[in-house]
Amino acid sequence: MGDLTDFEREGFFKVDSLNVPEYVEENFAPFLEVFYRLNKLAWSLQYEMKLPKPENDIRRAWCTVLYARTLNFVQAAVMLATKGMRVQADTQHRCALETLFKLGALTNDEQFIIEYDLAERKDHIRQGRAFVTYLNRRKPKDKALIKQIEASCKAKESDLIERLKAHRPELFEGRSEKEALKKSSVTTEQYARIAERLDMYDLHYRMGSASVHSDAKSLEDGHFELNEDGTVKKFKNEPHLEDLDMVIHTLCYIVLDAVEFVGKALEYDVPEAELRIIAEALEACHKNAGSVPK
């Protein structure tokens, strides 16, 4: 790549001197070609499948939504990664994994839609209460709106408690309704376990939390070069394009898994032969590059 003059002055929106597109094309073109081919196939499938209406089949409807969202997160990750914005790409990668795990869980366990729906209802209540907290800080207070949202949250909470009593009565043994409601939850690890993707959860999702939550390690890796004693040698924030092939490889397998899950959930015959050819082409890229997929 070229010098950093333009970049240091104007950031990622002005990187002409770095020749990033040329560098990516020269070093990672085969990997990107495979991704574009896979993405095109996966993207078009959502318009070919018979999409159910939520009122008729809520589980399959949610699966189609989660499939679409997974593809969008993956595309965003590739766009950012190929511009050198690796930390930002990692956040999109983690979001893609979260939706993939949910899609896989709903696909593999048809009854899990109940747990999923209860978790979504609890999250909606939490969001409503957060908005009330915000409104209470504003001056002057909109008391009518606050009262309206509080009443809505209270009604939703009462409804959720009754649903939990019917579905998970063990939560209420020795607990008050408030305690039982607080205890009810579905973790991302549970989604990953039911989706049979715990390896992806441990290797990519959990480790990816550093980028999302901006812990000290991610800040060091992304923005500083350190001396051996841990002191800051220099500030750096230039494009990060190393190991881009591994990033693309991982994102491709998220798409492959998403296609598998949604095809199973909607009982749709996905083009398995073509998907297998794409997967083989992806592995061939690594053999040619002399690297090993992680």
Protein backbone atom coordinates (compact mmCIF):
# COMPACT_ATOMS: atom_id res chain seq x y z
CA MET A 1 0.00 0.00 0.00
CA GLY A 2 0.98 3.64 -0.38
CA ASP A 3 1.84 6.21 2.29
CA LEU A 4 -0.51 7.29 5.06
CA THR A 5 -0.50 11.02 4.36
CA ASP A 6 -4.11 11.35 3.20
CA PHE A 7 -5.33 8.82 5.73
CA GLU A 8 -3.74 10.50 8.73
CA ARG A 9 -5.35 13.79 7.77
CA GLU A 10 -8.81 12.63 6.71
CA GLY A 11 -9.42 9.06 7.91
CA PHE A 12 -11.12 6.18 6.13
CA PHE A 13 -13.09 8.45 3.80
CA LYS A 14 -9.87 9.63 2.17
CA VAL A 15 -7.44 6.80 1.54
CA ASP A 16 -6.48 7.35 -2.10
CA SER A 17 -2.76 7.23 -1.36
CA LEU A 18 -3.03 3.81 0.30
CA ASN A 19 -4.30 2.00 -2.80
CA VAL A 20 -6.45 -0.24 -0.59
CA PRO A 21 -8.72 -1.57 -3.38
CA GLU A 22 -5.68 -2.50 -5.46
CA TYR A 23 -4.00 -4.20 -2.51
CA VAL A 24 -7.13 -6.21 -1.67
CA GLU A 25 -7.65 -7.22 -5.30
CA GLU A 26 -4.04 -8.31 -5.68
CA ASN A 27 -3.88 -10.37 -2.49
CA PHE A 28 -7.40 -11.62 -1.79
CA ALA A 29 -9.28 -11.68 -5.10
CA PRO A 30 -9.91 -15.48 -5.14
CA PHE A 31 -11.44 -15.40 -1.66
CA LEU A 32 -13.67 -12.46 -2.49
CA GLU A 33 -14.76 -14.08 -5.75
CA VAL A 34 -15.96 -17.12 -3.79
CA PHE A 35 -17.74 -14.91 -1.26
CA TYR A 36 -19.51 -12.87 -3.95
CA ARG A 37 -20.65 -16.06 -5.66
CA LEU A 38 -21.95 -17.50 -2.39
CA ASN A 39 -23.56 -14.24 -1.31
CA LYS A 40 -25.38 -13.89 -4.62
CA LEU A 41 -26.81 -17.40 -4.29
CA ALA A 42 -27.80 -16.94 -0.64
CA TRP A 43 -29.29 -13.50 -1.23
CA SER A 44 -31.45 -14.65 -4.14
CA LEU A 45 -32.81 -17.64 -2.21
CA GLN A 46 -34.82 -15.46 0.16
CA TYR A 47 -36.84 -14.19 -2.80
CA GLU A 48 -37.42 -17.67 -4.15
CA MET A 49 -38.66 -19.31 -0.96
CA LYS A 50 -42.32 -19.32 -0.02
CA LEU A 51 -42.36 -16.97 2.96
CA PRO A 52 -45.00 -17.70 5.61
CA LYS A 53 -47.09 -15.00 7.24
CA PRO A 54 -46.33 -14.54 10.95
CA GLU A 55 -49.94 -15.13 11.94
CA ASN A 56 -49.89 -18.49 10.16
CA ASP A 57 -46.44 -19.76 11.17
CA ILE A 58 -44.52 -17.55 13.56
CA ARG A 59 -41.49 -19.87 13.81
CA ARG A 60 -40.83 -20.05 10.07
CA ALA A 61 -41.55 -16.34 9.70
CA TRP A 62 -38.92 -15.53 12.32
CA CYS A 63 -36.48 -17.87 10.58
CA THR A 64 -36.81 -15.92 7.33
CA VAL A 65 -36.23 -12.64 9.17
CA LEU A 66 -33.18 -14.01 10.98
CA TYR A 67 -31.83 -15.38 7.70
CA ALA A 68 -32.13 -11.99 6.00
CA ARG A 69 -30.54 -10.24 8.96
CA THR A 70 -27.64 -12.69 9.03
CA LEU A 71 -26.90 -12.03 5.37
CA ASN A 72 -27.00 -8.27 5.92
CA PHE A 73 -24.58 -8.43 8.85
CA VAL A 74 -22.18 -10.60 6.85
CA GLN A 75 -22.27 -8.21 3.91
CA ALA A 76 -21.56 -5.28 6.22
CA ALA A 77 -18.63 -7.18 7.75
CA VAL A 78 -17.09 -7.84 4.32
CA MET A 79 -17.58 -4.22 3.23
CA LEU A 80 -15.81 -2.97 6.34
CA ALA A 81 -13.09 -5.61 6.35
CA THR A 82 -12.10 -4.94 2.75
CA LYS A 83 -11.72 -1.25 3.60
CA GLY A 84 -9.37 -2.15 6.43
CA MET A 85 -11.86 -1.40 9.22
CA ARG A 86 -11.26 -4.71 10.98
CA VAL A 87 -12.49 -3.80 14.46
CA GLN A 88 -15.74 -2.48 13.02
CA ALA A 89 -16.03 -5.57 10.81
CA ASP A 90 -15.62 -7.75 13.89
CA THR A 91 -18.67 -6.16 15.49
CA GLN A 92 -20.76 -7.01 12.42
CA HIS A 93 -19.31 -10.52 12.43
CA ARG A 94 -20.47 -10.99 16.02
CA CYS A 95 -23.93 -9.68 15.20
CA ALA A 96 -24.13 -12.15 12.30
CA LEU A 97 -23.22 -15.00 14.64
CA GLU A 98 -25.90 -14.03 17.15
CA THR A 99 -28.63 -14.08 14.51
CA LEU A 100 -27.24 -17.31 13.04
CA PHE A 101 -27.43 -19.03 16.44
CA LYS A 102 -31.03 -17.93 16.86
CA LEU A 103 -31.88 -19.13 13.35
CA GLY A 104 -30.22 -22.48 14.05
CA ALA A 105 -31.99 -22.90 17.39
CA LEU A 106 -35.43 -22.21 15.89
CA THR A 107 -34.62 -24.58 13.02
CA ASN A 108 -33.35 -27.47 15.14
CA ASP A 109 -36.01 -27.26 17.88
CA GLU A 110 -39.51 -26.44 16.69
CA GLN A 111 -40.68 -25.90 20.28
CA PHE A 112 -37.95 -23.37 20.99
CA ILE A 113 -40.08 -20.66 19.40
CA ILE A 114 -41.88 -20.38 22.74
CA GLU A 115 -38.66 -19.57 24.61
CA TYR A 116 -37.65 -17.20 21.82
CA ASP A 117 -40.99 -15.39 21.91
CA LEU A 118 -40.88 -15.04 25.70
CA ALA A 119 -37.35 -13.62 25.53
CA GLU A 120 -38.42 -11.12 22.86
CA ARG A 121 -41.39 -10.00 24.98
CA LYS A 122 -39.14 -9.46 27.98
CA ASP A 123 -36.73 -7.42 25.87
CA HIS A 124 -39.58 -5.22 24.60
CA ILE A 125 -40.58 -4.49 28.20
CA ARG A 126 -36.97 -3.63 29.06
CA GLN A 127 -36.78 -1.24 26.12
CA GLY A 128 -40.02 0.45 27.16
CA ARG A 129 -38.78 0.97 30.70
CA ALA A 130 -35.49 2.38 29.38
CA PHE A 131 -37.49 4.91 27.36
CA VAL A 132 -39.44 5.88 30.48
CA THR A 133 -36.14 6.46 32.32
CA TYR A 134 -35.06 8.74 29.48
CA LEU A 135 -38.36 10.65 29.53
CA ASN A 136 -38.13 11.16 33.28
CA ARG A 137 -34.82 12.98 32.81
CA ARG A 138 -36.21 15.42 30.27
CA LYS A 139 -37.47 18.85 31.28
CA PRO A 140 -40.31 19.54 31.17
CA LYS A 141 -41.62 16.01 31.70
CA ASP A 142 -44.25 14.64 29.38
CA LYS A 143 -46.25 13.06 32.19
CA ALA A 144 -49.03 11.84 29.91
CA LEU A 145 -46.60 9.96 27.64
CA ILE A 146 -44.72 8.54 30.63
CA LYS A 147 -47.96 7.30 32.15
CA GLN A 148 -49.01 5.76 28.85
CA ILE A 149 -45.75 3.85 28.36
CA GLU A 150 -45.64 2.73 31.99
CA ALA A 151 -49.18 1.34 31.68
CA SER A 152 -48.22 -0.46 28.48
CA CYS A 153 -45.13 -1.99 30.11
CA LYS A 154 -47.16 -3.07 33.14
CA ALA A 155 -49.77 -4.76 30.94
CA LYS A 156 -47.07 -6.51 28.90
CA GLU A 157 -45.34 -7.63 32.08
CA SER A 158 -48.55 -9.13 33.50
CA ASP A 159 -49.15 -10.96 30.24
CA LEU A 160 -45.55 -12.24 30.17
CA ILE A 161 -45.80 -13.49 33.76
CA GLU A 162 -48.93 -15.49 32.91
CA ARG A 163 -47.22 -16.96 29.84
CA LEU A 164 -44.19 -17.91 31.94
CA LYS A 165 -46.41 -19.56 34.56
CA ALA A 166 -47.92 -21.71 31.83
CA HIS A 167 -44.65 -22.54 30.07
CA ARG A 168 -42.07 -22.52 32.88
CA PRO A 169 -43.89 -22.98 36.21
CA GLU A 170 -40.65 -24.10 37.88
CA LEU A 171 -39.45 -20.50 37.79
CA PHE A 172 -42.08 -19.53 40.34
CA GLU A 173 -41.22 -22.22 42.90
CA GLY A 174 -40.02 -20.33 45.98
CA ARG A 175 -39.86 -17.05 44.05
CA SER A 176 -42.03 -13.99 43.72
CA GLU A 177 -43.38 -13.06 40.30
CA LYS A 178 -40.79 -10.28 39.98
CA GLU A 179 -37.96 -12.66 40.89
CA ALA A 180 -39.20 -15.30 38.46
CA LEU A 181 -39.44 -12.75 35.67
CA LYS A 182 -35.90 -11.57 36.37
CA LYS A 183 -34.69 -15.17 36.35
CA SER A 184 -36.20 -15.94 32.96
CA SER A 185 -33.78 -15.51 30.11
CA VAL A 186 -32.28 -17.18 27.06
CA THR A 187 -28.55 -16.70 26.59
CA THR A 188 -26.67 -16.61 23.32
CA GLU A 189 -24.83 -19.73 24.48
CA GLN A 190 -28.17 -21.55 24.76
CA TYR A 191 -29.04 -20.52 21.21
CA ALA A 192 -25.63 -21.74 20.02
CA ARG A 193 -25.97 -25.05 21.83
CA ILE A 194 -29.36 -25.83 20.31
CA ALA A 195 -28.04 -24.70 16.92
CA GLU A 196 -25.11 -27.13 17.44
CA ARG A 197 -22.61 -24.33 16.88
CA LEU A 198 -20.84 -24.12 20.23
CA ASP A 199 -17.42 -24.15 18.56
CA MET A 200 -18.34 -20.98 16.65
CA TYR A 201 -19.68 -19.49 19.87
CA ASP A 202 -16.47 -20.13 21.83
CA LEU A 203 -13.98 -19.33 19.08
CA HIS A 204 -15.61 -16.33 17.40
CA TYR A 205 -18.59 -14.98 19.36
CA ARG A 206 -17.08 -14.88 22.84
CA MET A 207 -13.70 -13.67 21.63
CA GLY A 208 -15.45 -11.08 19.46
CA SER A 209 -16.88 -9.40 22.54
CA ALA A 210 -13.60 -7.48 22.87
CA SER A 211 -14.36 -5.53 19.71
CA VAL A 212 -17.98 -4.86 20.60
CA HIS A 213 -17.37 -3.73 24.17
CA SER A 214 -14.06 -1.94 23.51
CA ASP A 215 -12.07 -3.60 26.26
CA ALA A 216 -8.43 -2.68 26.82
CA LYS A 217 -7.07 -5.49 24.65
CA SER A 218 -9.14 -4.55 21.61
CA LEU A 219 -8.11 -0.92 21.98
CA GLU A 220 -4.46 -1.92 22.08
CA ASP A 221 -4.75 -4.20 19.06
CA GLY A 222 -6.72 -1.71 17.03
CA HIS A 223 -5.17 1.64 17.85
CA PHE A 224 -1.76 1.42 19.53
CA GLU A 225 1.61 -0.16 18.93
CA LEU A 226 3.18 -1.14 22.22
CA ASN A 227 6.74 -1.60 23.43
CA GLU A 228 7.74 -4.85 25.12
CA ASP A 229 7.21 -3.28 28.54
CA GLY A 230 3.64 -2.36 27.61
CA THR A 231 4.16 1.34 27.13
CA VAL A 232 2.74 3.03 24.06
CA LYS A 233 5.22 3.20 21.20
CA LYS A 234 2.97 5.07 18.81
CA PHE A 235 -0.64 5.70 17.94
CA LYS A 236 -1.86 3.75 14.91
CA ASN A 237 -5.22 3.50 13.26
CA GLU A 238 -4.37 2.57 9.70
CA PRO A 239 -6.28 -0.01 7.64
CA HIS A 240 -5.91 -3.56 8.93
CA LEU A 241 -5.88 -5.99 6.00
CA GLU A 242 -3.71 -8.80 7.33
CA ASP A 243 -5.34 -12.26 7.35
CA LEU A 244 -8.31 -10.95 5.38
CA ASP A 245 -8.56 -14.38 3.78
CA MET A 246 -9.35 -15.93 7.15
CA VAL A 247 -12.00 -13.30 7.83
CA ILE A 248 -13.70 -14.02 4.50
CA HIS A 249 -13.43 -17.77 5.11
CA THR A 250 -15.22 -17.48 8.45
CA LEU A 251 -17.94 -15.22 7.08
CA CYS A 252 -18.53 -17.60 4.15
CA TYR A 253 -19.26 -20.42 6.57
CA ILE A 254 -21.77 -18.28 8.42
CA VAL A 255 -23.61 -17.85 5.11
CA LEU A 256 -23.36 -21.57 4.33
CA ASP A 257 -24.81 -22.41 7.75
CA ALA A 258 -27.57 -19.83 7.34
CA VAL A 259 -28.61 -21.35 4.00
CA GLU A 260 -28.64 -24.81 5.55
CA PHE A 261 -30.77 -23.68 8.49
CA VAL A 262 -33.35 -21.68 6.55
CA GLY A 263 -33.68 -24.40 3.93
CA LYS A 264 -34.41 -26.91 6.66
CA ALA A 265 -36.81 -24.60 8.50
CA LEU A 266 -38.82 -23.74 5.39
CA GLU A 267 -38.51 -27.25 3.92
CA TYR A 268 -36.95 -25.75 0.81
CA ASP A 269 -34.57 -27.67 -1.42
CA VAL A 270 -31.48 -25.48 -1.45
CA PRO A 271 -28.99 -26.05 -4.32
CA GLU A 272 -26.73 -28.38 -2.35
CA ALA A 273 -24.55 -29.30 -5.32
CA GLU A 274 -23.73 -25.67 -6.07
CA LEU A 275 -23.14 -24.91 -2.40
CA ARG A 276 -20.75 -27.85 -2.19
CA ILE A 277 -18.84 -26.58 -5.22
CA ILE A 278 -18.56 -23.13 -3.60
CA ALA A 279 -17.32 -24.65 -0.33
CA GLU A 280 -14.72 -26.67 -2.24
CA ALA A 281 -13.61 -23.55 -4.10
CA LEU A 282 -13.20 -21.75 -0.78
CA GLU A 283 -10.97 -24.49 0.61
CA ALA A 284 -9.00 -24.57 -2.65
CA CYS A 285 -8.21 -20.87 -2.15
CA HIS A 286 -6.58 -21.72 1.17
CA LYS A 287 -4.56 -24.55 -0.28
CA ASN A 288 -3.30 -22.29 -3.02
CA ALA A 289 -2.46 -19.61 -0.47
CA GLY A 290 -0.72 -22.11 1.76
CA SER A 291 -2.89 -21.24 4.76
CA VAL A 292 -5.05 -23.43 6.96
CA PRO A 293 -8.66 -22.48 7.78
CA LYS A 294 -9.31 -21.90 11.45
